[in-house]
Amino acid sequence: MLVYKVLTLAQAAEYERTGEAPLSPDDARDGYVHLSTRAQLLGTLERHFAAEPAIRVLAVEADLLGEALRWEESRKGEAFPHLYGRLRARDVAMGWVIARAHDGSFRLPADMPV
């Protein structure tokens, strides 16, 4: 199963430079890296990335994160994946840059696996 990390384009540039996803303000505050499943991604984008014209999404194989990945209740009582550690480039299977559609919404790529 894949889990996903969303980065702003500025965070994506830092990720490319350092090989490690920078902590978002929410990550730093909560003490873990916020991740989403494919089914949770659009809600995450609407809630936390509404002001962004484009974002970068990184896909990570959940099993490779081991015990550092925990499923914990979050918004609406739904279990979200949380990484208690840093997300490094070696953990990332694939990624996409996604710009807003003409109607202002984000649309996930058809080739983005579940």
Protein backbone atom coordinates (compact mmCIF):
# COMPACT_ATOMS: atom_id res chain seq x y z
CA MET A 1 0.00 0.00 0.00
CA LEU A 2 1.22 3.47 -0.83
CA VAL A 3 0.92 6.50 1.42
CA TYR A 4 1.45 10.04 0.23
CA LYS A 5 3.19 13.20 1.43
CA VAL A 6 2.13 16.55 -0.01
CA LEU A 7 4.71 19.32 -0.33
CA THR A 8 4.40 22.93 -1.43
CA LEU A 9 6.65 23.75 -4.38
CA ALA A 10 9.02 25.57 -2.00
CA GLN A 11 9.18 22.47 0.21
CA ALA A 12 9.67 20.32 -2.91
CA ALA A 13 12.69 22.43 -3.89
CA GLU A 14 14.19 21.87 -0.42
CA TYR A 15 13.44 18.13 -0.73
CA GLU A 16 15.30 18.04 -4.06
CA ARG A 17 18.23 19.94 -2.58
CA THR A 18 18.60 17.94 0.63
CA GLY A 19 17.10 14.53 -0.15
CA GLU A 20 14.76 14.83 2.83
CA ALA A 21 11.21 16.18 2.98
CA PRO A 22 11.16 19.28 5.17
CA LEU A 23 8.76 19.34 8.07
CA SER A 24 5.64 21.40 7.49
CA PRO A 25 4.54 23.65 10.35
CA ASP A 26 1.91 21.00 11.22
CA ASP A 27 4.55 18.23 11.17
CA ALA A 28 6.84 20.20 13.47
CA ARG A 29 3.98 21.07 15.84
CA ASP A 30 2.62 17.51 16.06
CA GLY A 31 5.94 15.64 16.16
CA TYR A 32 5.35 13.43 13.12
CA VAL A 33 5.14 13.65 9.34
CA HIS A 34 1.53 13.88 8.16
CA LEU A 35 0.75 11.43 5.37
CA SER A 36 -2.45 10.48 3.54
CA THR A 37 -3.84 7.52 1.68
CA ARG A 38 -4.90 8.00 -1.94
CA ALA A 39 -8.52 8.20 -0.78
CA GLN A 40 -7.62 10.95 1.73
CA LEU A 41 -5.51 13.08 -0.62
CA LEU A 42 -8.17 15.38 -2.08
CA GLY A 43 -9.44 16.22 1.41
CA THR A 44 -5.89 16.97 2.52
CA LEU A 45 -5.34 19.21 -0.50
CA GLU A 46 -8.58 21.12 0.08
CA ARG A 47 -7.95 21.55 3.79
CA HIS A 48 -4.23 22.31 3.94
CA PHE A 49 -3.16 23.45 0.46
CA ALA A 50 -6.05 25.69 -0.64
CA ALA A 51 -3.75 28.65 -1.30
CA GLU A 52 -1.22 26.70 -3.39
CA PRO A 53 -1.31 26.97 -7.20
CA ALA A 54 0.53 23.64 -7.50
CA ILE A 55 1.89 20.97 -5.18
CA ARG A 56 4.23 18.00 -5.26
CA VAL A 57 3.00 14.61 -4.06
CA LEU A 58 5.44 11.89 -3.01
CA ALA A 59 4.39 8.23 -2.86
CA VAL A 60 5.93 5.94 -0.26
CA GLU A 61 5.45 2.19 0.22
CA ALA A 62 3.94 1.99 3.71
CA ASP A 63 5.53 -1.37 4.54
CA LEU A 64 9.02 0.06 4.02
CA LEU A 65 8.50 2.61 6.80
CA GLY A 66 8.24 -0.14 9.40
CA GLU A 67 7.28 0.65 12.96
CA ALA A 68 7.88 4.37 12.40
CA LEU A 69 4.53 4.45 10.54
CA ARG A 70 1.49 4.55 12.79
CA TRP A 71 -2.18 4.74 11.87
CA GLU A 72 -3.89 7.23 14.18
CA GLU A 73 -7.30 8.79 14.39
CA SER A 74 -7.51 12.27 12.95
CA ARG A 75 -10.18 14.37 11.26
CA LYS A 76 -13.68 12.89 11.38
CA GLY A 77 -12.36 9.92 13.36
CA GLU A 78 -10.58 8.54 10.31
CA ALA A 79 -7.24 6.74 10.66
CA PHE A 80 -4.39 8.60 8.96
CA PRO A 81 -0.81 7.43 8.45
CA HIS A 82 1.73 9.33 10.58
CA LEU A 83 5.47 8.87 10.19
CA TYR A 84 7.47 9.21 13.40
CA GLY A 85 10.75 9.95 11.69
CA ARG A 86 11.97 11.81 8.64
CA LEU A 87 10.88 11.12 5.08
CA ARG A 88 13.97 10.66 2.93
CA ALA A 89 14.31 10.45 -0.84
CA ARG A 90 15.36 6.79 -0.58
CA ASP A 91 11.88 6.07 0.86
CA VAL A 92 10.03 7.63 -2.07
CA ALA A 93 8.80 5.36 -4.85
CA MET A 94 7.46 8.06 -7.20
CA GLY A 95 6.18 11.61 -7.29
CA TRP A 96 4.08 14.07 -9.22
CA VAL A 97 3.77 17.82 -9.55
CA ILE A 98 0.08 18.66 -9.73
CA ALA A 99 -1.17 22.07 -10.85
CA ARG A 100 -4.71 23.27 -10.32
CA ALA A 101 -7.17 22.58 -13.11
CA HIS A 102 -8.89 25.44 -14.95
CA ASP A 103 -11.77 25.31 -12.48
CA GLY A 104 -9.35 25.83 -9.57
CA SER A 105 -9.51 22.28 -8.21
CA PHE A 106 -6.77 19.71 -7.88
CA ARG A 107 -7.21 16.53 -9.89
CA LEU A 108 -5.15 13.51 -9.01
CA PRO A 109 -3.31 11.87 -11.92
CA ALA A 110 -4.92 8.76 -13.38
CA ASP A 111 -1.63 6.90 -12.98
CA MET A 112 -1.47 7.56 -9.21
CA PRO A 113 -1.79 4.14 -7.55
CA VAL A 114 -4.01 3.35 -4.61
